[in-house]
């Protein structure tokens, strides 16, 4: 038995500096919480792995090379038509501005008649307006100048009306005069609004 006592005393000397073994419910609870937290960490890592792999795959996926943009010269051989002429304000010089300028510059006794629904700029920047007393008044806006032609006005009155149209055109920023598309269908429902 001497040997057993020697072994026990040697083991006691080795573990003398070791802390006591835990015991009781507090220790069991602490170890259970650590085990649960490790499981949650493993489950979370397993759940996030496919998401992270997908994000990395999207980030490194080759994309199409940037498209080269080159300036194309605009074809000027085809005539340009205003698709909105007759149904709403024109893209270019608005009809309403030209009509208002002419109406304001007409002398007493000369007035415009009711405007037709298909009124629009014609080729060469022309606008034909009906007069209340019969006949027509032709407004031409081209090349930076304006011209009014009618039998009902004197040359001085026609020049005054042309100057009023040019002033309205310059005040609008001198937009282009776009003719109405001759192939477009009429929209009387828009005119009634």
C-alpha atoms as a PDB file:
ATOM      1  CA  UNK A   1       0.000   0.000   0.000  1.00  0.00           C
ATOM      2  CA  UNK A   2       2.874   2.152   0.265  1.00  0.00           C
ATOM      3  CA  UNK A   3       2.994   2.413  -3.441  1.00  0.00           C
ATOM      4  CA  UNK A   4      -0.641   3.473  -3.588  1.00  0.00           C
ATOM      5  CA  UNK A   5       0.008   6.193  -1.074  1.00  0.00           C
ATOM      6  CA  UNK A   6       3.055   7.377  -3.006  1.00  0.00           C
ATOM      7  CA  UNK A   7       1.074   7.535  -6.211  1.00  0.00           C
ATOM      8  CA  UNK A   8      -1.733   9.399  -4.492  1.00  0.00           C
ATOM      9  CA  UNK A   9       0.588  11.909  -2.912  1.00  0.00           C
ATOM     10  CA  UNK A  10       2.374  12.445  -6.250  1.00  0.00           C
ATOM     11  CA  UNK A  11      -0.970  13.019  -8.024  1.00  0.00           C
ATOM     12  CA  UNK A  12      -2.108  15.329  -5.231  1.00  0.00           C
ATOM     13  CA  UNK A  13       1.080  17.363  -5.646  1.00  0.00           C
ATOM     14  CA  UNK A  14       0.480  17.617  -9.430  1.00  0.00           C
ATOM     15  CA  UNK A  15      -3.134  18.816  -9.166  1.00  0.00           C
ATOM     16  CA  UNK A  16      -2.632  21.020  -6.117  1.00  0.00           C
ATOM     17  CA  UNK A  17      -2.561  24.183  -8.281  1.00  0.00           C
ATOM     18  CA  UNK A  18      -5.583  23.127 -10.393  1.00  0.00           C
ATOM     19  CA  UNK A  19      -8.998  24.684  -9.654  1.00  0.00           C
ATOM     20  CA  UNK A  20     -11.683  22.542  -8.118  1.00  0.00           C
ATOM     21  CA  UNK A  21     -13.973  20.650 -10.436  1.00  0.00           C
ATOM     22  CA  UNK A  22     -17.211  22.502 -11.065  1.00  0.00           C
ATOM     23  CA  UNK A  23     -20.301  21.151  -9.549  1.00  0.00           C
ATOM     24  CA  UNK A  24     -23.972  21.947  -9.178  1.00  0.00           C
ATOM     25  CA  UNK A  25     -26.660  23.277 -11.477  1.00  0.00           C
ATOM     26  CA  UNK A  26     -24.884  26.563 -12.302  1.00  0.00           C
ATOM     27  CA  UNK A  27     -22.085  24.672 -14.024  1.00  0.00           C
ATOM     28  CA  UNK A  28     -24.497  22.450 -15.950  1.00  0.00           C
ATOM     29  CA  UNK A  29     -26.470  25.487 -17.076  1.00  0.00           C
ATOM     30  CA  UNK A  30     -23.317  27.350 -18.222  1.00  0.00           C
ATOM     31  CA  UNK A  31     -22.071  24.353 -20.239  1.00  0.00           C
ATOM     32  CA  UNK A  32     -25.529  23.924 -21.825  1.00  0.00           C
ATOM     33  CA  UNK A  33     -25.620  27.590 -22.899  1.00  0.00           C
ATOM     34  CA  UNK A  34     -22.140  27.301 -24.455  1.00  0.00           C
ATOM     35  CA  UNK A  35     -23.204  24.170 -26.354  1.00  0.00           C
ATOM     36  CA  UNK A  36     -26.406  25.917 -27.567  1.00  0.00           C
ATOM     37  CA  UNK A  37     -24.450  29.014 -28.691  1.00  0.00           C
ATOM     38  CA  UNK A  38     -21.966  26.842 -30.619  1.00  0.00           C
ATOM     39  CA  UNK A  39     -24.887  25.115 -32.390  1.00  0.00           C
ATOM     40  CA  UNK A  40     -26.447  28.481 -33.307  1.00  0.00           C
ATOM     41  CA  UNK A  41     -23.104  29.664 -34.669  1.00  0.00           C
ATOM     42  CA  UNK A  42     -22.704  26.534 -36.799  1.00  0.00           C
ATOM     43  CA  UNK A  43     -26.285  26.736 -38.113  1.00  0.00           C
ATOM     44  CA  UNK A  44     -25.840  30.450 -38.912  1.00  0.00           C
ATOM     45  CA  UNK A  45     -22.565  29.787 -40.726  1.00  0.00           C
ATOM     46  CA  UNK A  46     -24.179  26.982 -42.745  1.00  0.00           C
ATOM     47  CA  UNK A  47     -27.114  29.230 -43.662  1.00  0.00           C
ATOM     48  CA  UNK A  48     -24.918  32.184 -44.683  1.00  0.00           C
ATOM     49  CA  UNK A  49     -22.483  30.131 -46.768  1.00  0.00           C
ATOM     50  CA  UNK A  50     -24.788  29.807 -49.836  1.00  0.00           C
ATOM     51  CA  UNK A  51     -25.748  33.478 -49.594  1.00  0.00           C
ATOM     52  CA  UNK A  52     -22.133  34.598 -49.479  1.00  0.00           C
ATOM     53  CA  UNK A  53     -21.224  32.231 -52.310  1.00  0.00           C
ATOM     54  CA  UNK A  54     -24.049  33.699 -54.418  1.00  0.00           C
ATOM     55  CA  UNK A  55     -22.970  37.257 -53.663  1.00  0.00           C
ATOM     56  CA  UNK A  56     -19.390  36.468 -54.633  1.00  0.00           C
ATOM     57  CA  UNK A  57     -20.551  34.754 -57.830  1.00  0.00           C
ATOM     58  CA  UNK A  58     -22.633  37.797 -58.808  1.00  0.00           C
ATOM     59  CA  UNK A  59     -19.762  40.145 -58.010  1.00  0.00           C
ATOM     60  CA  UNK A  60     -17.229  38.304 -60.158  1.00  0.00           C
ATOM     61  CA  UNK A  61     -19.626  37.363 -62.991  1.00  0.00           C
ATOM     62  CA  UNK A  62     -18.277  38.794 -66.236  1.00  0.00           C
ATOM     63  CA  UNK A  63     -20.360  41.686 -67.535  1.00  0.00           C
ATOM     64  CA  UNK A  64     -20.802  42.874 -71.079  1.00  0.00           C
ATOM     65  CA  UNK A  65     -18.147  45.329 -72.219  1.00  0.00           C
ATOM     66  CA  UNK A  66     -19.332  48.943 -72.291  1.00  0.00           C
ATOM     67  CA  UNK A  67     -20.934  49.847 -75.587  1.00  0.00           C
ATOM     68  CA  UNK A  68     -19.102  52.311 -77.763  1.00  0.00           C
ATOM     69  CA  UNK A  69     -21.188  55.311 -78.645  1.00  0.00           C
ATOM     70  CA  UNK A  70     -20.417  57.002 -81.911  1.00  0.00           C
ATOM     71  CA  UNK A  71     -22.110  60.085 -83.201  1.00  0.00           C
ATOM     72  CA  UNK A  72     -24.273  59.361 -86.204  1.00  0.00           C
ATOM     73  CA  UNK A  73     -24.883  62.195 -88.611  1.00  0.00           C
ATOM     74  CA  UNK A  74     -28.573  62.943 -88.791  1.00  0.00           C
ATOM     75  CA  UNK A  75     -30.073  62.297 -92.189  1.00  0.00           C
ATOM     76  CA  UNK A  76     -31.416  65.589 -93.484  1.00  0.00           C
ATOM     77  CA  UNK A  77     -32.710  64.235 -96.783  1.00  0.00           C
ATOM     78  CA  UNK A  78     -36.039  63.138 -95.261  1.00  0.00           C
ATOM     79  CA  UNK A  79     -38.546  65.873 -94.468  1.00  0.00           C
ATOM     80  CA  UNK A  80     -39.208  66.473 -90.782  1.00  0.00           C
ATOM     81  CA  UNK A  81     -42.861  66.574 -89.748  1.00  0.00           C
ATOM     82  CA  UNK A  82     -44.375  67.613 -86.475  1.00  0.00           C
ATOM     83  CA  UNK A  83     -46.378  64.591 -85.258  1.00  0.00           C
ATOM     84  CA  UNK A  84     -48.352  66.788 -82.867  1.00  0.00           C
ATOM     85  CA  UNK A  85     -49.419  69.474 -85.334  1.00  0.00           C
ATOM     86  CA  UNK A  86     -53.135  70.110 -85.198  1.00  0.00           C
ATOM     87  CA  UNK A  87     -53.636  68.190 -81.956  1.00  0.00           C
ATOM     88  CA  UNK A  88     -51.515  70.053 -79.420  1.00  0.00           C
ATOM     89  CA  UNK A  89     -48.741  72.606 -79.244  1.00  0.00           C
ATOM     90  CA  UNK A  90     -46.135  72.026 -81.895  1.00  0.00           C
ATOM     91  CA  UNK A  91     -42.665  70.771 -81.090  1.00  0.00           C
ATOM     92  CA  UNK A  92     -41.227  73.738 -82.960  1.00  0.00           C
ATOM     93  CA  UNK A  93     -42.706  77.229 -83.209  1.00  0.00           C
ATOM     94  CA  UNK A  94     -46.237  76.891 -81.702  1.00  0.00           C
ATOM     95  CA  UNK A  95     -49.170  77.720 -83.936  1.00  0.00           C
ATOM     96  CA  UNK A  96     -50.854  79.563 -81.094  1.00  0.00           C
ATOM     97  CA  UNK A  97     -47.981  82.039 -80.826  1.00  0.00           C
ATOM     98  CA  UNK A  98     -48.067  82.781 -84.544  1.00  0.00           C
ATOM     99  CA  UNK A  99     -51.875  83.093 -84.635  1.00  0.00           C
ATOM    100  CA  UNK A 100     -51.907  85.381 -81.585  1.00  0.00           C
ATOM    101  CA  UNK A 101     -49.198  87.589 -83.119  1.00  0.00           C
ATOM    102  CA  UNK A 102     -51.120  87.920 -86.388  1.00  0.00           C
ATOM    103  CA  UNK A 103     -54.461  88.562 -84.630  1.00  0.00           C
ATOM    104  CA  UNK A 104     -52.903  91.276 -82.459  1.00  0.00           C
ATOM    105  CA  UNK A 105     -51.294  93.027 -85.438  1.00  0.00           C
ATOM    106  CA  UNK A 106     -54.349  93.098 -87.746  1.00  0.00           C
ATOM    107  CA  UNK A 107     -55.864  96.527 -88.326  1.00  0.00           C
ATOM    108  CA  UNK A 108     -59.443  97.325 -87.231  1.00  0.00           C
ATOM    109  CA  UNK A 109     -62.034  95.762 -89.501  1.00  0.00           C
ATOM    110  CA  UNK A 110     -59.842  92.767 -90.393  1.00  0.00           C
ATOM    111  CA  UNK A 111     -60.121  89.667 -88.210  1.00  0.00           C
ATOM    112  CA  UNK A 112     -59.309  85.997 -88.363  1.00  0.00           C
ATOM    113  CA  UNK A 113     -62.121  83.506 -88.918  1.00  0.00           C
ATOM    114  CA  UNK A 114     -62.634  80.365 -86.858  1.00  0.00           C
ATOM    115  CA  UNK A 115     -59.532  78.230 -87.234  1.00  0.00           C
ATOM    116  CA  UNK A 116     -59.870  74.790 -88.815  1.00  0.00           C
ATOM    117  CA  UNK A 117     -58.973  71.746 -86.744  1.00  0.00           C
ATOM    118  CA  UNK A 118     -56.330  70.560 -89.215  1.00  0.00           C
ATOM    119  CA  UNK A 119     -54.432  73.847 -89.070  1.00  0.00           C
ATOM    120  CA  UNK A 120     -50.702  73.308 -89.118  1.00  0.00           C
ATOM    121  CA  UNK A 121     -47.416  74.565 -90.492  1.00  0.00           C
ATOM    122  CA  UNK A 122     -46.970  73.640 -94.146  1.00  0.00           C
ATOM    123  CA  UNK A 123     -43.831  72.948 -96.132  1.00  0.00           C
ATOM    124  CA  UNK A 124     -41.414  75.869 -96.173  1.00  0.00           C
ATOM    125  CA  UNK A 125     -42.741  77.282 -92.884  1.00  0.00           C
ATOM    126  CA  UNK A 126     -46.075  78.477 -94.231  1.00  0.00           C
ATOM    127  CA  UNK A 127     -49.292  78.895 -92.277  1.00  0.00           C
ATOM    128  CA  UNK A 128     -52.562  79.680 -94.044  1.00  0.00           C
ATOM    129  CA  UNK A 129     -55.111  81.461 -91.823  1.00  0.00           C
ATOM    130  CA  UNK A 130     -58.711  82.151 -92.875  1.00  0.00           C
ATOM    131  CA  UNK A 131     -60.012  85.711 -92.606  1.00  0.00           C
ATOM    132  CA  UNK A 132     -63.502  86.513 -91.289  1.00  0.00           C
ATOM    133  CA  UNK A 133     -64.303  88.703 -94.303  1.00  0.00           C
ATOM    134  CA  UNK A 134     -63.299  85.931 -96.713  1.00  0.00           C
ATOM    135  CA  UNK A 135     -59.981  85.054 -98.230  1.00  0.00           C
ATOM    136  CA  UNK A 136     -56.845  83.847 -96.490  1.00  0.00           C
ATOM    137  CA  UNK A 137     -53.727  85.251 -94.947  1.00  0.00           C
ATOM    138  CA  UNK A 138     -50.484  83.324 -95.520  1.00  0.00           C
ATOM    139  CA  UNK A 139     -47.710  83.609 -92.926  1.00  0.00           C
ATOM    140  CA  UNK A 140     -44.250  82.380 -93.940  1.00  0.00           C
ATOM    141  CA  UNK A 141     -41.446  81.974 -91.380  1.00  0.00           C
ATOM    142  CA  UNK A 142     -38.226  80.887 -93.054  1.00  0.00           C
ATOM    143  CA  UNK A 143     -34.556  81.749 -93.036  1.00  0.00           C
ATOM    144  CA  UNK A 144     -34.872  84.036 -90.025  1.00  0.00           C
ATOM    145  CA  UNK A 145     -37.442  86.299 -91.669  1.00  0.00           C
ATOM    146  CA  UNK A 146     -41.225  86.496 -91.695  1.00  0.00           C
ATOM    147  CA  UNK A 147     -43.633  87.395 -94.480  1.00  0.00           C
ATOM    148  CA  UNK A 148     -47.400  87.962 -94.480  1.00  0.00           C
ATOM    149  CA  UNK A 149     -49.198  87.764 -97.800  1.00  0.00           C
ATOM    150  CA  UNK A 150     -52.869  88.637 -98.320  1.00  0.00           C
ATOM    151  CA  UNK A 151     -55.062  90.752-100.568  1.00  0.00           C
ATOM    152  CA  UNK A 152     -56.930  92.256 -97.578  1.00  0.00           C
ATOM    153  CA  UNK A 153     -53.976  94.220 -96.132  1.00  0.00           C
ATOM    154  CA  UNK A 154     -51.902  97.088 -97.410  1.00  0.00           C
ATOM    155  CA  UNK A 155     -48.156  96.458 -97.726  1.00  0.00           C
ATOM    156  CA  UNK A 156     -47.537  98.461 -94.533  1.00  0.00           C
ATOM    157  CA  UNK A 157     -50.176  96.447 -92.602  1.00  0.00           C
ATOM    158  CA  UNK A 158     -48.740  93.176 -93.939  1.00  0.00           C
ATOM    159  CA  UNK A 159     -45.248  94.250 -92.852  1.00  0.00           C
ATOM    160  CA  UNK A 160     -46.542  95.117 -89.352  1.00  0.00           C
ATOM    161  CA  UNK A 161     -48.168  91.671 -89.046  1.00  0.00           C
ATOM    162  CA  UNK A 162     -44.984  89.984 -90.308  1.00  0.00           C
ATOM    163  CA  UNK A 163     -42.915  91.927 -87.771  1.00  0.00           C
ATOM    164  CA  UNK A 164     -45.280  90.804 -84.979  1.00  0.00           C
ATOM    165  CA  UNK A 165     -44.901  87.158 -86.052  1.00  0.00           C
ATOM    166  CA  UNK A 166     -41.101  87.485 -86.151  1.00  0.00           C
ATOM    167  CA  UNK A 167     -41.107  89.101 -82.699  1.00  0.00           C
ATOM    168  CA  UNK A 168     -43.157  86.171 -81.319  1.00  0.00           C
ATOM    169  CA  UNK A 169     -40.829  83.712 -83.048  1.00  0.00           C
ATOM    170  CA  UNK A 170     -37.723  85.353 -81.548  1.00  0.00           C
ATOM    171  CA  UNK A 171     -39.425  85.589 -78.120  1.00  0.00           C
ATOM    172  CA  UNK A 172     -40.091  81.826 -78.263  1.00  0.00           C
ATOM    173  CA  UNK A 173     -36.365  81.231 -78.813  1.00  0.00           C
ATOM    174  CA  UNK A 174     -36.577  80.966 -82.627  1.00  0.00           C
ATOM    175  CA  UNK A 175     -37.557  77.276 -82.613  1.00  0.00           C
ATOM    176  CA  UNK A 176     -37.739  75.433 -85.931  1.00  0.00           C
ATOM    177  CA  UNK A 177     -40.971  75.544 -87.867  1.00  0.00           C
ATOM    178  CA  UNK A 178     -42.006  71.915 -88.352  1.00  0.00           C
ATOM    179  CA  UNK A 179     -44.692  71.123 -90.906  1.00  0.00           C
ATOM    180  CA  UNK A 180     -47.630  68.918 -90.008  1.00  0.00           C
ATOM    181  CA  UNK A 181     -47.367  65.280 -91.070  1.00  0.00           C
ATOM    182  CA  UNK A 182     -49.644  64.918 -94.136  1.00  0.00           C
ATOM    183  CA  UNK A 183     -50.165  61.205 -93.340  1.00  0.00           C
ATOM    184  CA  UNK A 184     -51.328  61.801 -89.760  1.00  0.00           C
ATOM    185  CA  UNK A 185     -54.957  61.172 -88.899  1.00  0.00           C
ATOM    186  CA  UNK A 186     -57.051  64.006 -87.547  1.00  0.00           C
ATOM    187  CA  UNK A 187     -58.072  63.933 -83.900  1.00  0.00           C
ATOM    188  CA  UNK A 188     -61.218  66.072 -83.438  1.00  0.00           C
ATOM    189  CA  UNK A 189     -61.637  64.631 -79.929  1.00  0.00           C
ATOM    190  CA  UNK A 190     -58.453  66.438 -78.845  1.00  0.00           C
ATOM    191  CA  UNK A 191     -59.628  69.733 -80.296  1.00  0.00           C
ATOM    192  CA  UNK A 192     -62.862  69.521 -78.301  1.00  0.00           C
ATOM    193  CA  UNK A 193     -60.976  69.285 -74.998  1.00  0.00           C
END
